């Protein structure tokens, strides 16, 4: 999984923001995040998102990437149109990425 965030590092001579895009890659997802992803999905009405639910989703994304960025950096650095889709894709990858790996295990011989 990967996520790209923009960080404003200053202004140029024209008073325009200097933006650096950082890419965060996560190849090792802790198993506890599967449980947390399912709990978030079950405990929150994702059709009527509240500020609290949004913060829960943002914190989950931070945890998936081992807190290499903060909730505020996520909010500031991710395009608003991508926040919900990034969350949903990450949850799908955490939950179904593991189950798809389980499907590759050989079946037990009887």
N, C-alpha and C. Protein backbone atom coordinates (compact mmCIF):
# COMPACT_ATOMS: atom_id res chain seq x y z
N UNK A 1 0.84 -1.17 0.00
CA UNK A 1 0.00 0.00 0.00
C UNK A 1 0.88 1.23 0.00
N UNK A 2 0.35 2.29 -0.56
CA UNK A 2 1.08 3.53 -0.51
C UNK A 2 0.12 4.71 -0.48
N UNK A 3 0.62 5.79 0.10
CA UNK A 3 -0.15 7.03 0.18
C UNK A 3 0.81 8.17 -0.11
N UNK A 4 0.32 9.18 -0.83
CA UNK A 4 1.13 10.36 -1.12
C UNK A 4 0.52 11.57 -0.43
N UNK A 5 1.35 12.29 0.30
CA UNK A 5 0.92 13.50 0.99
C UNK A 5 1.78 14.68 0.56
N UNK A 6 1.15 15.84 0.45
CA UNK A 6 1.86 17.07 0.12
C UNK A 6 2.21 17.81 1.40
N UNK A 7 3.43 18.31 1.47
CA UNK A 7 3.89 19.08 2.62
C UNK A 7 4.34 20.45 2.11
N UNK A 8 3.81 21.51 2.71
CA UNK A 8 4.21 22.87 2.35
C UNK A 8 5.45 23.21 3.18
N UNK A 9 6.53 23.56 2.46
CA UNK A 9 7.80 23.79 3.14
C UNK A 9 8.20 25.27 3.16
N UNK A 10 7.37 26.12 2.59
CA UNK A 10 7.69 27.54 2.57
C UNK A 10 7.02 28.21 1.38
N UNK A 11 7.53 29.41 1.04
CA UNK A 11 7.01 30.16 -0.09
C UNK A 11 8.16 30.56 -1.00
N UNK A 12 7.87 30.65 -2.29
CA UNK A 12 8.89 31.13 -3.23
C UNK A 12 8.79 32.66 -3.33
N UNK A 13 9.56 33.24 -4.24
CA UNK A 13 9.59 34.70 -4.40
C UNK A 13 8.24 35.28 -4.81
N UNK A 14 7.41 34.46 -5.44
CA UNK A 14 6.10 34.92 -5.90
C UNK A 14 5.01 34.69 -4.86
N UNK A 15 5.43 34.34 -3.64
CA UNK A 15 4.51 34.08 -2.53
C UNK A 15 3.63 32.85 -2.78
N UNK A 16 4.14 31.92 -3.61
CA UNK A 16 3.45 30.66 -3.85
C UNK A 16 4.03 29.60 -2.92
N UNK A 17 3.18 28.70 -2.49
CA UNK A 17 3.64 27.64 -1.61
C UNK A 17 4.64 26.73 -2.32
N UNK A 18 5.68 26.35 -1.59
CA UNK A 18 6.61 25.33 -2.07
C UNK A 18 6.11 24.02 -1.49
N UNK A 19 5.75 23.11 -2.37
CA UNK A 19 5.14 21.85 -1.95
C UNK A 19 6.05 20.69 -2.30
N UNK A 20 6.26 19.83 -1.31
CA UNK A 20 7.01 18.60 -1.52
C UNK A 20 6.04 17.45 -1.31
N UNK A 21 5.99 16.54 -2.27
CA UNK A 21 5.14 15.36 -2.13
C UNK A 21 5.98 14.21 -1.61
N UNK A 22 5.50 13.59 -0.53
CA UNK A 22 6.18 12.43 0.04
C UNK A 22 5.29 11.21 -0.15
N UNK A 23 5.92 10.12 -0.51
CA UNK A 23 5.21 8.85 -0.68
C UNK A 23 5.58 7.94 0.48
N UNK A 24 4.56 7.41 1.11
CA UNK A 24 4.74 6.46 2.22
C UNK A 24 4.27 5.10 1.74
N UNK A 25 5.12 4.11 1.93
CA UNK A 25 4.82 2.74 1.48
C UNK A 25 4.76 1.84 2.69
N UNK A 26 3.76 0.98 2.71
CA UNK A 26 3.63 0.02 3.80
C UNK A 26 3.44 -1.37 3.23
N UNK A 27 4.38 -2.24 3.54
CA UNK A 27 4.33 -3.61 3.06
C UNK A 27 4.04 -4.61 4.17
N UNK A 28 4.09 -4.13 5.42
CA UNK A 28 3.89 -5.03 6.57
C UNK A 28 2.76 -4.47 7.42
N UNK A 29 1.61 -5.10 7.33
CA UNK A 29 0.45 -4.65 8.09
C UNK A 29 0.25 -5.57 9.28
N UNK A 30 0.16 -4.98 10.45
CA UNK A 30 -0.04 -5.78 11.66
C UNK A 30 -1.43 -6.39 11.66
N UNK A 31 -1.53 -7.60 12.16
CA UNK A 31 -2.79 -8.33 12.18
C UNK A 31 -3.86 -7.61 12.99
N UNK A 32 -3.45 -6.87 14.02
CA UNK A 32 -4.44 -6.19 14.85
C UNK A 32 -5.23 -5.15 14.06
N UNK A 33 -4.67 -4.70 12.93
CA UNK A 33 -5.38 -3.71 12.12
C UNK A 33 -6.57 -4.32 11.39
N UNK A 34 -6.55 -5.63 11.16
CA UNK A 34 -7.71 -6.28 10.56
C UNK A 34 -8.90 -6.14 11.50
N UNK A 35 -8.67 -6.46 12.76
CA UNK A 35 -9.72 -6.37 13.78
C UNK A 35 -10.22 -4.93 13.89
N UNK A 36 -9.29 -4.00 13.90
CA UNK A 36 -9.68 -2.59 14.02
C UNK A 36 -10.47 -2.11 12.81
N UNK A 37 -10.06 -2.52 11.62
CA UNK A 37 -10.77 -2.13 10.40
C UNK A 37 -12.21 -2.64 10.43
N UNK A 38 -12.38 -3.90 10.83
CA UNK A 38 -13.72 -4.47 10.90
C UNK A 38 -14.55 -3.74 11.95
N UNK A 39 -13.95 -3.43 13.08
CA UNK A 39 -14.66 -2.71 14.14
C UNK A 39 -15.10 -1.33 13.67
N UNK A 40 -14.24 -0.62 12.99
CA UNK A 40 -14.59 0.71 12.47
C UNK A 40 -15.76 0.59 11.51
N UNK A 41 -15.68 -0.38 10.63
CA UNK A 41 -16.75 -0.57 9.64
C UNK A 41 -18.07 -0.91 10.32
N UNK A 42 -18.04 -1.74 11.37
CA UNK A 42 -19.26 -2.17 12.05
C UNK A 42 -19.83 -1.13 13.00
N UNK A 43 -18.98 -0.34 13.61
CA UNK A 43 -19.41 0.59 14.66
C UNK A 43 -19.78 1.98 14.15
N UNK A 44 -19.49 2.27 12.90
CA UNK A 44 -19.73 3.61 12.38
C UNK A 44 -20.62 3.56 11.15
N UNK A 45 -21.52 4.51 11.07
CA UNK A 45 -22.35 4.65 9.88
C UNK A 45 -21.55 5.45 8.86
N UNK A 46 -20.96 4.75 7.93
CA UNK A 46 -20.08 5.43 6.97
C UNK A 46 -20.85 6.14 5.87
N UNK A 47 -22.18 6.06 5.93
CA UNK A 47 -23.01 6.83 4.99
C UNK A 47 -23.30 8.22 5.54
N UNK A 48 -23.17 8.40 6.86
CA UNK A 48 -23.35 9.70 7.50
C UNK A 48 -22.14 9.97 8.38
N UNK A 49 -21.08 10.41 7.77
CA UNK A 49 -19.81 10.57 8.47
C UNK A 49 -19.83 11.83 9.33
N UNK A 50 -19.43 11.64 10.59
CA UNK A 50 -19.30 12.76 11.53
C UNK A 50 -17.82 13.16 11.62
N UNK A 51 -17.56 14.23 12.31
CA UNK A 51 -16.17 14.65 12.53
C UNK A 51 -15.43 13.57 13.31
N UNK A 52 -16.09 12.99 14.29
CA UNK A 52 -15.47 11.93 15.09
C UNK A 52 -15.11 10.72 14.23
N UNK A 53 -16.04 10.34 13.35
CA UNK A 53 -15.79 9.21 12.45
C UNK A 53 -14.63 9.52 11.51
N UNK A 54 -14.58 10.73 11.02
CA UNK A 54 -13.50 11.14 10.13
C UNK A 54 -12.16 11.03 10.85
N UNK A 55 -12.12 11.46 12.11
CA UNK A 55 -10.89 11.36 12.89
C UNK A 55 -10.50 9.90 13.13
N UNK A 56 -11.47 9.03 13.36
CA UNK A 56 -11.21 7.60 13.54
C UNK A 56 -10.59 7.03 12.26
N UNK A 57 -11.14 7.42 11.13
CA UNK A 57 -10.62 6.94 9.84
C UNK A 57 -9.19 7.45 9.62
N UNK A 58 -8.97 8.73 9.92
CA UNK A 58 -7.64 9.32 9.74
C UNK A 58 -6.62 8.64 10.66
N UNK A 59 -7.02 8.40 11.91
CA UNK A 59 -6.12 7.73 12.85
C UNK A 59 -5.79 6.31 12.38
N UNK A 60 -6.77 5.64 11.80
CA UNK A 60 -6.54 4.30 11.26
C UNK A 60 -5.48 4.37 10.15
N UNK A 61 -5.61 5.33 9.25
CA UNK A 61 -4.62 5.47 8.18
C UNK A 61 -3.23 5.75 8.75
N UNK A 62 -3.16 6.59 9.76
CA UNK A 62 -1.87 6.86 10.40
C UNK A 62 -1.28 5.58 10.98
N UNK A 63 -2.11 4.78 11.64
CA UNK A 63 -1.63 3.52 12.23
C UNK A 63 -1.15 2.53 11.18
N UNK A 64 -1.86 2.45 10.07
CA UNK A 64 -1.45 1.53 9.00
C UNK A 64 -0.04 1.85 8.53
N UNK A 65 0.27 3.15 8.48
CA UNK A 65 1.59 3.59 8.02
C UNK A 65 2.54 3.85 9.19
N UNK A 66 2.28 3.19 10.33
CA UNK A 66 3.15 3.24 11.51
C UNK A 66 3.44 4.66 11.97
N UNK A 67 2.43 5.52 11.88
CA UNK A 67 2.51 6.90 12.36
C UNK A 67 3.70 7.67 11.79
N UNK A 68 3.98 7.42 10.52
CA UNK A 68 5.03 8.18 9.83
C UNK A 68 4.56 9.59 9.51
N UNK A 69 3.27 9.83 9.68
CA UNK A 69 2.68 11.16 9.54
C UNK A 69 1.56 11.27 10.57
N UNK A 70 1.18 12.49 10.90
CA UNK A 70 0.14 12.72 11.89
C UNK A 70 -1.22 12.89 11.21
N UNK A 71 -2.25 12.89 12.05
CA UNK A 71 -3.60 13.13 11.53
C UNK A 71 -3.65 14.48 10.83
N UNK A 72 -3.07 15.51 11.43
CA UNK A 72 -3.08 16.84 10.82
C UNK A 72 -2.32 16.86 9.50
N UNK A 73 -1.19 16.16 9.44
CA UNK A 73 -0.44 16.10 8.18
C UNK A 73 -1.26 15.37 7.11
N UNK A 74 -2.00 14.37 7.51
CA UNK A 74 -2.88 13.67 6.57
C UNK A 74 -3.95 14.62 6.06
N UNK A 75 -4.63 15.32 6.98
CA UNK A 75 -5.67 16.27 6.58
C UNK A 75 -5.13 17.38 5.69
N UNK A 76 -3.93 17.88 6.01
CA UNK A 76 -3.34 18.96 5.23
C UNK A 76 -2.75 18.50 3.90
N UNK A 77 -2.26 17.25 3.88
CA UNK A 77 -1.49 16.81 2.73
C UNK A 77 -2.20 15.96 1.71
N UNK A 78 -3.41 15.50 2.04
CA UNK A 78 -4.15 14.63 1.12
C UNK A 78 -5.29 15.44 0.50
N UNK A 79 -5.45 15.32 -0.79
CA UNK A 79 -6.53 16.00 -1.49
C UNK A 79 -7.87 15.55 -0.89
N UNK A 80 -8.75 16.48 -0.64
CA UNK A 80 -10.02 16.16 0.01
C UNK A 80 -10.83 15.13 -0.77
N UNK A 81 -10.73 15.15 -2.07
CA UNK A 81 -11.47 14.19 -2.89
C UNK A 81 -10.95 12.76 -2.73
N UNK A 82 -9.76 12.61 -2.16
CA UNK A 82 -9.16 11.29 -2.03
C UNK A 82 -9.26 10.69 -0.63
N UNK A 83 -9.70 11.46 0.35
CA UNK A 83 -9.67 10.97 1.73
C UNK A 83 -10.52 9.72 1.93
N UNK A 84 -11.78 9.77 1.56
CA UNK A 84 -12.65 8.61 1.78
C UNK A 84 -12.25 7.42 0.93
N UNK A 85 -11.89 7.66 -0.32
CA UNK A 85 -11.48 6.54 -1.17
C UNK A 85 -10.17 5.92 -0.69
N UNK A 86 -9.27 6.76 -0.18
CA UNK A 86 -8.01 6.23 0.37
C UNK A 86 -8.29 5.37 1.58
N UNK A 87 -9.18 5.84 2.45
CA UNK A 87 -9.55 5.04 3.62
C UNK A 87 -10.15 3.71 3.19
N UNK A 88 -11.11 3.75 2.30
CA UNK A 88 -11.81 2.52 1.88
C UNK A 88 -10.86 1.55 1.18
N UNK A 89 -9.98 2.06 0.34
CA UNK A 89 -9.01 1.20 -0.33
C UNK A 89 -8.05 0.57 0.67
N UNK A 90 -7.66 1.33 1.67
CA UNK A 90 -6.76 0.81 2.69
C UNK A 90 -7.43 -0.28 3.51
N UNK A 91 -8.68 -0.04 3.92
CA UNK A 91 -9.42 -1.06 4.66
C UNK A 91 -9.56 -2.33 3.82
N UNK A 92 -9.90 -2.15 2.57
CA UNK A 92 -10.05 -3.31 1.67
C UNK A 92 -8.74 -4.08 1.56
N UNK A 93 -7.64 -3.36 1.46
CA UNK A 93 -6.33 -4.00 1.35
C UNK A 93 -5.96 -4.72 2.65
N UNK A 94 -6.24 -4.09 3.78
CA UNK A 94 -5.92 -4.70 5.07
C UNK A 94 -6.74 -5.97 5.27
N UNK A 95 -8.04 -5.89 5.03
CA UNK A 95 -8.91 -7.05 5.28
C UNK A 95 -8.76 -8.10 4.19
N UNK A 96 -8.94 -7.71 2.95
CA UNK A 96 -8.98 -8.69 1.87
C UNK A 96 -7.60 -9.07 1.35
N UNK A 97 -6.61 -8.23 1.60
CA UNK A 97 -5.25 -8.61 1.24
C UNK A 97 -4.80 -9.83 2.02
N UNK A 98 -5.21 -9.88 3.28
CA UNK A 98 -4.86 -11.02 4.13
C UNK A 98 -5.67 -12.24 3.73
N UNK A 99 -6.96 -12.07 3.50
CA UNK A 99 -7.78 -13.24 3.17
C UNK A 99 -7.40 -13.81 1.80
N UNK A 100 -6.96 -12.97 0.89
CA UNK A 100 -6.54 -13.50 -0.41
C UNK A 100 -5.26 -14.32 -0.27
N UNK A 101 -4.39 -13.93 0.68
CA UNK A 101 -3.18 -14.72 0.93
C UNK A 101 -3.56 -16.07 1.54
N UNK A 102 -4.54 -16.05 2.44
CA UNK A 102 -4.99 -17.30 3.06
C UNK A 102 -5.52 -18.28 2.01
N UNK A 103 -6.12 -17.76 0.94
CA UNK A 103 -6.65 -18.62 -0.12
C UNK A 103 -5.55 -19.37 -0.85
N UNK A 104 -4.30 -18.93 -0.72
CA UNK A 104 -3.21 -19.59 -1.44
C UNK A 104 -2.59 -20.74 -0.66
N UNK A 105 -2.98 -20.89 0.63
CA UNK A 105 -2.45 -22.00 1.42
C UNK A 105 -2.98 -23.31 0.87
N UNK A 106 -2.15 -24.35 0.87
CA UNK A 106 -2.62 -25.65 0.38
C UNK A 106 -3.70 -26.20 1.30
N UNK A 107 -4.65 -26.89 0.70
CA UNK A 107 -5.71 -27.49 1.48
C UNK A 107 -5.19 -28.69 2.24
N UNK A 108 -5.77 -28.91 3.41
CA UNK A 108 -5.37 -30.02 4.25
C UNK A 108 -5.85 -31.33 3.64
N UNK A 109 -4.98 -32.29 3.57
CA UNK A 109 -5.32 -33.60 3.02
C UNK A 109 -6.05 -34.43 4.07
N UNK A 110 -7.11 -35.09 3.67
CA UNK A 110 -7.86 -35.91 4.63
C UNK A 110 -7.55 -37.36 4.47
